[in-house]
Each structure stands twice: as structure tokens, then as C-alpha cells.
PDB file of N, CA and C in Angstrom:
ATOM      1  N   UNK A   1      -8.842 -35.745  -4.849  1.00  0.00           N
ATOM      2  CA  UNK A   1      -7.569 -36.397  -5.027  1.00  0.00           C
ATOM      3  C   UNK A   1      -7.169 -37.107  -3.731  1.00  0.00           C
ATOM      4  N   UNK A   2      -6.733 -38.309  -3.893  1.00  0.00           N
ATOM      5  CA  UNK A   2      -6.366 -39.133  -2.734  1.00  0.00           C
ATOM      6  C   UNK A   2      -5.197 -38.545  -1.951  1.00  0.00           C
ATOM      7  N   UNK A   3      -4.216 -37.962  -2.642  1.00  0.00           N
ATOM      8  CA  UNK A   3      -3.044 -37.439  -1.929  1.00  0.00           C
ATOM      9  C   UNK A   3      -3.425 -36.304  -0.982  1.00  0.00           C
ATOM     10  N   UNK A   4      -4.468 -35.528  -1.330  1.00  0.00           N
ATOM     11  CA  UNK A   4      -4.905 -34.442  -0.450  1.00  0.00           C
ATOM     12  C   UNK A   4      -5.490 -35.027   0.827  1.00  0.00           C
ATOM     13  N   UNK A   5      -6.350 -36.025   0.685  1.00  0.00           N
ATOM     14  CA  UNK A   5      -6.945 -36.658   1.868  1.00  0.00           C
ATOM     15  C   UNK A   5      -5.876 -37.320   2.732  1.00  0.00           C
ATOM     16  N   UNK A   6      -4.911 -37.956   2.104  1.00  0.00           N
ATOM     17  CA  UNK A   6      -3.819 -38.592   2.848  1.00  0.00           C
ATOM     18  C   UNK A   6      -2.994 -37.556   3.594  1.00  0.00           C
ATOM     19  N   UNK A   7      -2.732 -36.444   2.938  1.00  0.00           N
ATOM     20  CA  UNK A   7      -1.954 -35.370   3.567  1.00  0.00           C
ATOM     21  C   UNK A   7      -2.706 -34.796   4.755  1.00  0.00           C
ATOM     22  N   UNK A   8      -4.000 -34.588   4.599  1.00  0.00           N
ATOM     23  CA  UNK A   8      -4.807 -34.061   5.699  1.00  0.00           C
ATOM     24  C   UNK A   8      -4.865 -35.039   6.875  1.00  0.00           C
ATOM     25  N   UNK A   9      -4.961 -36.335   6.561  1.00  0.00           N
ATOM     26  CA  UNK A   9      -4.958 -37.338   7.634  1.00  0.00           C
ATOM     27  C   UNK A   9      -3.617 -37.327   8.370  1.00  0.00           C
ATOM     28  N   UNK A  10      -2.530 -37.216   7.604  1.00  0.00           N
ATOM     29  CA  UNK A  10      -1.197 -37.179   8.197  1.00  0.00           C
ATOM     30  C   UNK A  10      -1.046 -35.940   9.082  1.00  0.00           C
ATOM     31  N   UNK A  11      -1.546 -34.794   8.620  1.00  0.00           N
ATOM     32  CA  UNK A  11      -1.488 -33.571   9.420  1.00  0.00           C
ATOM     33  C   UNK A  11      -2.284 -33.728  10.715  1.00  0.00           C
ATOM     34  N   UNK A  12      -3.452 -34.342  10.627  1.00  0.00           N
ATOM     35  CA  UNK A  12      -4.281 -34.554  11.817  1.00  0.00           C
ATOM     36  C   UNK A  12      -3.575 -35.471  12.811  1.00  0.00           C
ATOM     37  N   UNK A  13      -2.916 -36.511  12.301  1.00  0.00           N
ATOM     38  CA  UNK A  13      -2.175 -37.426  13.179  1.00  0.00           C
ATOM     39  C   UNK A  13      -1.029 -36.701  13.859  1.00  0.00           C
ATOM     40  N   UNK A  14      -0.324 -35.851  13.126  1.00  0.00           N
ATOM     41  CA  UNK A  14       0.770 -35.071  13.711  1.00  0.00           C
ATOM     42  C   UNK A  14       0.249 -34.151  14.810  1.00  0.00           C
ATOM     43  N   UNK A  15      -0.903 -33.528  14.574  1.00  0.00           N
ATOM     44  CA  UNK A  15      -1.482 -32.617  15.564  1.00  0.00           C
ATOM     45  C   UNK A  15      -1.934 -33.375  16.812  1.00  0.00           C
ATOM     46  N   UNK A  16      -2.436 -34.568  16.620  1.00  0.00           N
ATOM     47  CA  UNK A  16      -2.937 -35.368  17.737  1.00  0.00           C
ATOM     48  C   UNK A  16      -1.802 -35.935  18.589  1.00  0.00           C
ATOM     49  N   UNK A  17      -0.724 -36.375  17.946  1.00  0.00           N
ATOM     50  CA  UNK A  17       0.374 -37.041  18.657  1.00  0.00           C
ATOM     51  C   UNK A  17       1.332 -36.089  19.345  1.00  0.00           C
ATOM     52  N   UNK A  18       1.424 -34.854  18.876  1.00  0.00           N
ATOM     53  CA  UNK A  18       2.307 -33.844  19.473  1.00  0.00           C
ATOM     54  C   UNK A  18       3.749 -34.327  19.646  1.00  0.00           C
ATOM     55  N   UNK A  19       4.295 -34.900  18.586  1.00  0.00           N
ATOM     56  CA  UNK A  19       5.678 -35.363  18.622  1.00  0.00           C
ATOM     57  C   UNK A  19       6.618 -34.200  18.342  1.00  0.00           C
ATOM     58  N   UNK A  20       7.891 -34.349  18.745  1.00  0.00           N
ATOM     59  CA  UNK A  20       8.858 -33.283  18.462  1.00  0.00           C
ATOM     60  C   UNK A  20       8.915 -32.990  16.959  1.00  0.00           C
ATOM     61  N   UNK A  21       8.878 -31.718  16.620  1.00  0.00           N
ATOM     62  CA  UNK A  21       8.918 -31.308  15.221  1.00  0.00           C
ATOM     63  C   UNK A  21       7.582 -31.378  14.517  1.00  0.00           C
ATOM     64  N   UNK A  22       6.558 -31.809  15.221  1.00  0.00           N
ATOM     65  CA  UNK A  22       5.239 -31.961  14.607  1.00  0.00           C
ATOM     66  C   UNK A  22       4.686 -30.659  14.055  1.00  0.00           C
ATOM     67  N   UNK A  23       4.917 -29.554  14.773  1.00  0.00           N
ATOM     68  CA  UNK A  23       4.413 -28.273  14.289  1.00  0.00           C
ATOM     69  C   UNK A  23       5.088 -27.873  12.976  1.00  0.00           C
ATOM     70  N   UNK A  24       6.356 -28.215  12.839  1.00  0.00           N
ATOM     71  CA  UNK A  24       7.069 -27.922  11.601  1.00  0.00           C
ATOM     72  C   UNK A  24       6.544 -28.786  10.458  1.00  0.00           C
ATOM     73  N   UNK A  25       6.297 -30.056  10.740  1.00  0.00           N
ATOM     74  CA  UNK A  25       5.744 -30.960   9.726  1.00  0.00           C
ATOM     75  C   UNK A  25       4.391 -30.439   9.258  1.00  0.00           C
ATOM     76  N   UNK A  26       3.541 -30.048  10.184  1.00  0.00           N
ATOM     77  CA  UNK A  26       2.210 -29.535   9.844  1.00  0.00           C
ATOM     78  C   UNK A  26       2.318 -28.268   9.002  1.00  0.00           C
ATOM     79  N   UNK A  27       3.210 -27.371   9.395  1.00  0.00           N
ATOM     80  CA  UNK A  27       3.391 -26.127   8.644  1.00  0.00           C
ATOM     81  C   UNK A  27       3.849 -26.396   7.221  1.00  0.00           C
ATOM     82  N   UNK A  28       4.810 -27.283   7.047  1.00  0.00           N
ATOM     83  CA  UNK A  28       5.328 -27.589   5.707  1.00  0.00           C
ATOM     84  C   UNK A  28       4.260 -28.260   4.844  1.00  0.00           C
ATOM     85  N   UNK A  29       3.515 -29.159   5.424  1.00  0.00           N
ATOM     86  CA  UNK A  29       2.447 -29.819   4.674  1.00  0.00           C
ATOM     87  C   UNK A  29       1.359 -28.818   4.278  1.00  0.00           C
ATOM     88  N   UNK A  30       1.048 -27.889   5.177  1.00  0.00           N
ATOM     89  CA  UNK A  30       0.066 -26.849   4.857  1.00  0.00           C
ATOM     90  C   UNK A  30       0.576 -25.981   3.707  1.00  0.00           C
ATOM     91  N   UNK A  31       1.874 -25.664   3.735  1.00  0.00           N
ATOM     92  CA  UNK A  31       2.471 -24.896   2.634  1.00  0.00           C
ATOM     93  C   UNK A  31       2.286 -25.622   1.305  1.00  0.00           C
ATOM     94  N   UNK A  32       2.542 -26.918   1.309  1.00  0.00           N
ATOM     95  CA  UNK A  32       2.412 -27.721   0.088  1.00  0.00           C
ATOM     96  C   UNK A  32       0.958 -27.724  -0.398  1.00  0.00           C
ATOM     97  N   UNK A  33       0.012 -27.860   0.510  1.00  0.00           N
ATOM     98  CA  UNK A  33      -1.399 -27.849   0.116  1.00  0.00           C
ATOM     99  C   UNK A  33      -1.782 -26.515  -0.519  1.00  0.00           C
ATOM    100  N   UNK A  34      -1.312 -25.420   0.053  1.00  0.00           N
ATOM    101  CA  UNK A  34      -1.623 -24.099  -0.502  1.00  0.00           C
ATOM    102  C   UNK A  34      -1.002 -23.943  -1.888  1.00  0.00           C
ATOM    103  N   UNK A  35       0.252 -24.332  -2.027  1.00  0.00           N
ATOM    104  CA  UNK A  35       0.934 -24.231  -3.325  1.00  0.00           C
ATOM    105  C   UNK A  35       0.197 -25.053  -4.380  1.00  0.00           C
ATOM    106  N   UNK A  36      -0.184 -26.258  -4.025  1.00  0.00           N
ATOM    107  CA  UNK A  36      -0.897 -27.118  -4.976  1.00  0.00           C
ATOM    108  C   UNK A  36      -2.256 -26.524  -5.344  1.00  0.00           C
ATOM    109  N   UNK A  37      -2.936 -25.908  -4.384  1.00  0.00           N
ATOM    110  CA  UNK A  37      -4.229 -25.276  -4.671  1.00  0.00           C
ATOM    111  C   UNK A  37      -4.046 -24.110  -5.639  1.00  0.00           C
ATOM    112  N   UNK A  38      -3.016 -23.316  -5.435  1.00  0.00           N
ATOM    113  CA  UNK A  38      -2.740 -22.190  -6.334  1.00  0.00           C
ATOM    114  C   UNK A  38      -2.374 -22.702  -7.719  1.00  0.00           C
ATOM    115  N   UNK A  39      -1.540 -23.732  -7.782  1.00  0.00           N
ATOM    116  CA  UNK A  39      -1.179 -24.317  -9.086  1.00  0.00           C
ATOM    117  C   UNK A  39      -2.421 -24.792  -9.829  1.00  0.00           C
ATOM    118  N   UNK A  40      -3.305 -25.455  -9.139  1.00  0.00           N
ATOM    119  CA  UNK A  40      -4.531 -25.963  -9.751  1.00  0.00           C
ATOM    120  C   UNK A  40      -5.391 -24.816 -10.259  1.00  0.00           C
ATOM    121  N   UNK A  41      -5.519 -23.774  -9.453  1.00  0.00           N
ATOM    122  CA  UNK A  41      -6.306 -22.606  -9.848  1.00  0.00           C
ATOM    123  C   UNK A  41      -5.710 -21.952 -11.095  1.00  0.00           C
ATOM    124  N   UNK A  42      -4.389 -21.769 -11.116  1.00  0.00           N
ATOM    125  CA  UNK A  42      -3.731 -21.155 -12.269  1.00  0.00           C
ATOM    126  C   UNK A  42      -3.958 -21.982 -13.528  1.00  0.00           C
ATOM    127  N   UNK A  43      -3.894 -23.290 -13.395  1.00  0.00           N
ATOM    128  CA  UNK A  43      -4.052 -24.170 -14.554  1.00  0.00           C
ATOM    129  C   UNK A  43      -5.482 -24.183 -15.089  1.00  0.00           C
ATOM    130  N   UNK A  44      -6.470 -23.951 -14.212  1.00  0.00           N
ATOM    131  CA  UNK A  44      -7.861 -24.120 -14.615  1.00  0.00           C
ATOM    132  C   UNK A  44      -8.626 -22.826 -14.870  1.00  0.00           C
ATOM    133  N   UNK A  45      -8.208 -21.723 -14.267  1.00  0.00           N
ATOM    134  CA  UNK A  45      -8.962 -20.476 -14.374  1.00  0.00           C
ATOM    135  C   UNK A  45      -8.339 -19.565 -15.426  1.00  0.00           C
ATOM    136  N   UNK A  46      -9.069 -19.240 -16.494  1.00  0.00           N
ATOM    137  CA  UNK A  46      -8.516 -18.382 -17.546  1.00  0.00           C
ATOM    138  C   UNK A  46      -8.042 -17.024 -17.033  1.00  0.00           C
ATOM    139  N   UNK A  47      -8.677 -16.487 -15.995  1.00  0.00           N
ATOM    140  CA  UNK A  47      -8.251 -15.182 -15.476  1.00  0.00           C
ATOM    141  C   UNK A  47      -6.876 -15.250 -14.818  1.00  0.00           C
ATOM    142  N   UNK A  48      -6.446 -16.445 -14.441  1.00  0.00           N
ATOM    143  CA  UNK A  48      -5.121 -16.614 -13.833  1.00  0.00           C
ATOM    144  C   UNK A  48      -4.035 -16.767 -14.886  1.00  0.00           C
ATOM    145  N   UNK A  49      -4.413 -16.773 -16.149  1.00  0.00           N
ATOM    146  CA  UNK A  49      -3.444 -16.923 -17.238  1.00  0.00           C
ATOM    147  C   UNK A  49      -2.867 -15.584 -17.676  1.00  0.00           C
ATOM    148  N   UNK A  50      -3.333 -14.503 -17.081  1.00  0.00           N
ATOM    149  CA  UNK A  50      -2.864 -13.175 -17.457  1.00  0.00           C
ATOM    150  C   UNK A  50      -2.240 -12.489 -16.248  1.00  0.00           C
ATOM    151  N   UNK A  51      -1.660 -11.324 -16.482  1.00  0.00           N
ATOM    152  CA  UNK A  51      -1.035 -10.575 -15.394  1.00  0.00           C
ATOM    153  C   UNK A  51       0.175 -11.296 -14.847  1.00  0.00           C
ATOM    154  N   UNK A  52       0.548 -10.951 -13.618  1.00  0.00           N
ATOM    155  CA  UNK A  52       1.777 -11.520 -13.049  1.00  0.00           C
ATOM    156  C   UNK A  52       1.643 -13.012 -12.789  1.00  0.00           C
ATOM    157  N   UNK A  53       0.434 -13.505 -12.514  1.00  0.00           N
ATOM    158  CA  UNK A  53       0.277 -14.954 -12.318  1.00  0.00           C
ATOM    159  C   UNK A  53       0.543 -15.709 -13.617  1.00  0.00           C
ATOM    160  N   UNK A  54       0.035 -15.191 -14.704  1.00  0.00           N
ATOM    161  CA  UNK A  54       0.313 -15.799 -15.995  1.00  0.00           C
ATOM    162  C   UNK A  54       1.788 -15.687 -16.349  1.00  0.00           C
ATOM    163  N   UNK A  55       2.396 -14.574 -15.978  1.00  0.00           N
ATOM    164  CA  UNK A  55       3.819 -14.355 -16.266  1.00  0.00           C
ATOM    165  C   UNK A  55       4.706 -15.364 -15.539  1.00  0.00           C
ATOM    166  N   UNK A  56       4.249 -15.863 -14.410  1.00  0.00           N
ATOM    167  CA  UNK A  56       5.035 -16.862 -13.677  1.00  0.00           C
ATOM    168  C   UNK A  56       5.244 -18.136 -14.488  1.00  0.00           C
ATOM    169  N   UNK A  57       4.378 -18.385 -15.445  1.00  0.00           N
ATOM    170  CA  UNK A  57       4.484 -19.592 -16.261  1.00  0.00           C
ATOM    171  C   UNK A  57       5.554 -19.481 -17.348  1.00  0.00           C
ATOM    172  N   UNK A  58       5.978 -18.261 -17.637  1.00  0.00           N
ATOM    173  CA  UNK A  58       7.065 -18.053 -18.592  1.00  0.00           C
ATOM    174  C   UNK A  58       8.386 -18.318 -17.870  1.00  0.00           C
ATOM    175  N   UNK A  59       9.246 -19.128 -18.461  1.00  0.00           N
ATOM    176  CA  UNK A  59      10.474 -19.549 -17.783  1.00  0.00           C
ATOM    177  C   UNK A  59      11.337 -18.366 -17.321  1.00  0.00           C
ATOM    178  N   UNK A  60      11.681 -17.467 -18.221  1.00  0.00           N
ATOM    179  CA  UNK A  60      12.559 -16.361 -17.847  1.00  0.00           C
ATOM    180  C   UNK A  60      11.843 -15.306 -17.007  1.00  0.00           C
ATOM    181  N   UNK A  61      10.655 -14.925 -17.396  1.00  0.00           N
ATOM    182  CA  UNK A  61       9.922 -13.906 -16.652  1.00  0.00           C
ATOM    183  C   UNK A  61       9.559 -14.427 -15.261  1.00  0.00           C
ATOM    184  N   UNK A  62       9.134 -15.665 -15.187  1.00  0.00           N
ATOM    185  CA  UNK A  62       8.827 -16.267 -13.887  1.00  0.00           C
ATOM    186  C   UNK A  62      10.046 -16.288 -12.978  1.00  0.00           C
ATOM    187  N   UNK A  63      11.195 -16.614 -13.545  1.00  0.00           N
ATOM    188  CA  UNK A  63      12.441 -16.607 -12.763  1.00  0.00           C
ATOM    189  C   UNK A  63      12.761 -15.191 -12.276  1.00  0.00           C
ATOM    190  N   UNK A  64      12.560 -14.191 -13.130  1.00  0.00           N
ATOM    191  CA  UNK A  64      12.820 -12.805 -12.739  1.00  0.00           C
ATOM    192  C   UNK A  64      11.899 -12.378 -11.596  1.00  0.00           C
ATOM    193  N   UNK A  65      10.638 -12.733 -11.686  1.00  0.00           N
ATOM    194  CA  UNK A  65       9.691 -12.396 -10.613  1.00  0.00           C
ATOM    195  C   UNK A  65      10.106 -13.078  -9.309  1.00  0.00           C
ATOM    196  N   UNK A  66      10.533 -14.319  -9.409  1.00  0.00           N
ATOM    197  CA  UNK A  66      11.011 -15.042  -8.224  1.00  0.00           C
ATOM    198  C   UNK A  66      12.224 -14.348  -7.616  1.00  0.00           C
ATOM    199  N   UNK A  67      13.153 -13.910  -8.443  1.00  0.00           N
ATOM    200  CA  UNK A  67      14.341 -13.204  -7.950  1.00  0.00           C
ATOM    201  C   UNK A  67      13.956 -11.927  -7.210  1.00  0.00           C
ATOM    202  N   UNK A  68      13.015 -11.183  -7.765  1.00  0.00           N
ATOM    203  CA  UNK A  68      12.559  -9.951  -7.116  1.00  0.00           C
ATOM    204  C   UNK A  68      11.954 -10.251  -5.750  1.00  0.00           C
ATOM    205  N   UNK A  69      11.161 -11.302  -5.683  1.00  0.00           N
ATOM    206  CA  UNK A  69      10.513 -11.661  -4.412  1.00  0.00           C
ATOM    207  C   UNK A  69      11.520 -12.181  -3.391  1.00  0.00           C
ATOM    208  N   UNK A  70      12.557 -12.850  -3.847  1.00  0.00           N
ATOM    209  CA  UNK A  70      13.572 -13.370  -2.921  1.00  0.00           C
ATOM    210  C   UNK A  70      14.467 -12.276  -2.363  1.00  0.00           C
ATOM    211  N   UNK A  71      14.649 -11.197  -3.120  1.00  0.00           N
ATOM    212  CA  UNK A  71      15.544 -10.126  -2.690  1.00  0.00           C
ATOM    213  C   UNK A  71      14.933  -8.772  -3.032  1.00  0.00           C
ATOM    214  N   UNK A  72      13.834  -8.405  -2.348  1.00  0.00           N
ATOM    215  CA  UNK A  72      13.135  -7.170  -2.694  1.00  0.00           C
ATOM    216  C   UNK A  72      13.942  -5.899  -2.389  1.00  0.00           C
ATOM    217  N   UNK A  73      14.940  -5.994  -1.520  1.00  0.00           N
ATOM    218  CA  UNK A  73      15.739  -4.814  -1.170  1.00  0.00           C
ATOM    219  C   UNK A  73      16.766  -4.471  -2.250  1.00  0.00           C
ATOM    220  N   UNK A  74      17.055  -5.418  -3.119  1.00  0.00           N
ATOM    221  CA  UNK A  74      18.040  -5.171  -4.178  1.00  0.00           C
ATOM    222  C   UNK A  74      17.487  -4.163  -5.188  1.00  0.00           C
ATOM    223  N   UNK A  75      18.333  -3.309  -5.667  1.00  0.00           N
ATOM    224  CA  UNK A  75      17.923  -2.301  -6.656  1.00  0.00           C
ATOM    225  C   UNK A  75      17.892  -2.937  -8.046  1.00  0.00           C
ATOM    226  N   UNK A  76      16.859  -3.714  -8.295  1.00  0.00           N
ATOM    227  CA  UNK A  76      16.730  -4.414  -9.565  1.00  0.00           C
ATOM    228  C   UNK A  76      16.529  -3.432 -10.706  1.00  0.00           C
ATOM    229  N   UNK A  77      17.129  -3.730 -11.830  1.00  0.00           N
ATOM    230  CA  UNK A  77      16.907  -2.975 -13.056  1.00  0.00           C
ATOM    231  C   UNK A  77      16.526  -3.973 -14.142  1.00  0.00           C
ATOM    232  N   UNK A  78      16.022  -3.460 -15.240  1.00  0.00           N
ATOM    233  CA  UNK A  78      15.704  -4.338 -16.361  1.00  0.00           C
ATOM    234  C   UNK A  78      16.969  -5.064 -16.807  1.00  0.00           C
ATOM    235  N   UNK A  79      18.071  -4.322 -16.854  1.00  0.00           N
ATOM    236  CA  UNK A  79      19.340  -4.915 -17.291  1.00  0.00           C
ATOM    237  C   UNK A  79      19.816  -6.000 -16.329  1.00  0.00           C
ATOM    238  N   UNK A  80      19.720  -5.762 -15.022  1.00  0.00           N
ATOM    239  CA  UNK A  80      20.199  -6.776 -14.072  1.00  0.00           C
ATOM    240  C   UNK A  80      19.318  -8.017 -14.092  1.00  0.00           C
ATOM    241  N   UNK A  81      18.012  -7.837 -14.233  1.00  0.00           N
ATOM    242  CA  UNK A  81      17.118  -8.988 -14.336  1.00  0.00           C
ATOM    243  C   UNK A  81      17.384  -9.765 -15.618  1.00  0.00           C
ATOM    244  N   UNK A  82      17.597  -9.051 -16.712  1.00  0.00           N
ATOM    245  CA  UNK A  82      17.895  -9.714 -17.987  1.00  0.00           C
ATOM    246  C   UNK A  82      19.160 -10.547 -17.875  1.00  0.00           C
ATOM    247  N   UNK A  83      20.170  -9.999 -17.232  1.00  0.00           N
ATOM    248  CA  UNK A  83      21.422 -10.735 -17.045  1.00  0.00           C
ATOM    249  C   UNK A  83      21.185 -12.000 -16.233  1.00  0.00           C
ATOM    250  N   UNK A  84      20.409 -11.892 -15.166  1.00  0.00           N
ATOM    251  CA  UNK A  84      20.133 -13.032 -14.297  1.00  0.00           C
ATOM    252  C   UNK A  84      19.412 -14.166 -15.020  1.00  0.00           C
ATOM    253  N   UNK A  85      18.580 -13.823 -15.991  1.00  0.00           N
ATOM    254  CA  UNK A  85      17.812 -14.853 -16.704  1.00  0.00           C
ATOM    255  C   UNK A  85      18.380 -15.141 -18.096  1.00  0.00           C
ATOM    256  N   UNK A  86      19.601 -14.697 -18.317  1.00  0.00           N
ATOM    257  CA  UNK A  86      20.349 -14.984 -19.553  1.00  0.00           C
ATOM    258  C   UNK A  86      19.638 -14.507 -20.818  1.00  0.00           C
ATOM    259  N   UNK A  87      19.204 -13.248 -20.782  1.00  0.00           N
ATOM    260  CA  UNK A  87      18.575 -12.641 -21.951  1.00  0.00           C
ATOM    261  C   UNK A  87      19.182 -11.265 -22.185  1.00  0.00           C
ATOM    262  N   UNK A  88      19.000 -10.758 -23.386  1.00  0.00           N
ATOM    263  CA  UNK A  88      19.401  -9.372 -23.636  1.00  0.00           C
ATOM    264  C   UNK A  88      18.387  -8.466 -22.949  1.00  0.00           C
ATOM    265  N   UNK A  89      18.804  -7.241 -22.662  1.00  0.00           N
ATOM    266  CA  UNK A  89      17.925  -6.299 -21.982  1.00  0.00           C
ATOM    267  C   UNK A  89      16.661  -6.044 -22.798  1.00  0.00           C
ATOM    268  N   UNK A  90      16.808  -5.797 -24.088  1.00  0.00           N
ATOM    269  CA  UNK A  90      15.649  -5.466 -24.920  1.00  0.00           C
ATOM    270  C   UNK A  90      14.698  -6.657 -25.081  1.00  0.00           C
ATOM    271  N   UNK A  91      15.253  -7.838 -25.268  1.00  0.00           N
ATOM    272  CA  UNK A  91      14.406  -9.031 -25.408  1.00  0.00           C
ATOM    273  C   UNK A  91      13.669  -9.318 -24.101  1.00  0.00           C
ATOM    274  N   UNK A  92      14.361  -9.162 -22.991  1.00  0.00           N
ATOM    275  CA  UNK A  92      13.714  -9.394 -21.698  1.00  0.00           C
ATOM    276  C   UNK A  92      12.605  -8.379 -21.462  1.00  0.00           C
ATOM    277  N   UNK A  93      12.869  -7.101 -21.721  1.00  0.00           N
ATOM    278  CA  UNK A  93      11.864  -6.056 -21.505  1.00  0.00           C
ATOM    279  C   UNK A  93      10.606  -6.331 -22.325  1.00  0.00           C
ATOM    280  N   UNK A  94      10.795  -6.696 -23.577  1.00  0.00           N
ATOM    281  CA  UNK A  94       9.640  -6.988 -24.437  1.00  0.00           C
ATOM    282  C   UNK A  94       8.874  -8.201 -23.928  1.00  0.00           C
ATOM    283  N   UNK A  95       9.608  -9.227 -23.556  1.00  0.00           N
ATOM    284  CA  UNK A  95       8.964 -10.457 -23.071  1.00  0.00           C
ATOM    285  C   UNK A  95       8.232 -10.213 -21.755  1.00  0.00           C
ATOM    286  N   UNK A  96       8.852  -9.462 -20.856  1.00  0.00           N
ATOM    287  CA  UNK A  96       8.242  -9.148 -19.563  1.00  0.00           C
ATOM    288  C   UNK A  96       6.945  -8.369 -19.778  1.00  0.00           C
ATOM    289  N   UNK A  97       6.995  -7.347 -20.627  1.00  0.00           N
ATOM    290  CA  UNK A  97       5.788  -6.548 -20.899  1.00  0.00           C
ATOM    291  C   UNK A  97       4.689  -7.407 -21.504  1.00  0.00           C
ATOM    292  N   UNK A  98       5.037  -8.258 -22.433  1.00  0.00           N
ATOM    293  CA  UNK A  98       4.059  -9.132 -23.084  1.00  0.00           C
ATOM    294  C   UNK A  98       3.458 -10.115 -22.083  1.00  0.00           C
ATOM    295  N   UNK A  99       4.300 -10.688 -21.223  1.00  0.00           N
ATOM    296  CA  UNK A  99       3.849 -11.709 -20.271  1.00  0.00           C
ATOM    297  C   UNK A  99       2.990 -11.137 -19.158  1.00  0.00           C
ATOM    298  N   UNK A 100       3.231  -9.900 -18.772  1.00  0.00           N
ATOM    299  CA  UNK A 100       2.532  -9.329 -17.615  1.00  0.00           C
ATOM    300  C   UNK A 100       1.258  -8.563 -17.975  1.00  0.00           C
ATOM    301  N   UNK A 101       0.824  -8.647 -19.185  1.00  0.00           N
ATOM    302  CA  UNK A 101      -0.408  -7.932 -19.574  1.00  0.00           C
ATOM    303  C   UNK A 101      -1.628  -8.613 -19.069  1.00  0.00           C
TER     304      UNK A 101
END
């Protein structure tokens, strides 16, 4: 993909020029490359369609997993997660179990 090569060239230029904020630019671009690689893997590899990676593709379950990762210290419950993703507790529990298999 051309955008990957362009991004890598841009990162190399940032590293070579050593301009203010260059390390931050390089870090953010590297983050984007990793995210895109994971997205591509999830889309193409059948083994990534199951378990928690597959569950991330479900709108409500994926949002719940994101909430847990953003605030791991919070005492999450099935009921609180269901409320956050606008579902009933029982419907969320069933969907979560189905998605994470």
C-alpha cells in the first residue's frame, strides 16, 4: 500500500531532521501503523474473528471492552457495562458471552 510507504518515508524524514516535536510525530505515526496492521490482521485471519478480538467488532461488546480498558480500576459489573452501552443486563450478558467465544 502506498500510504504505508509514504508514512515510513515521512517518519524517516522526521527522524533525520530532528525538528521540535519530531519524536511525538514519529510515535503517533508508529501507533497508526500498528493499529492498521492489527486491523488488517483481524479482517483477514479467521482466528482473529473469535474471542475478544472478534468481540471488538460487535458495536456494544466492543464498546464495553474499550470502557474496561480505559478504566480498569473501576469496579465494572455486567449491569454497569450494559447501562453504558444502552442494553438490558440480560441482553448484554448473552451478547457478550456469544461474542467472546
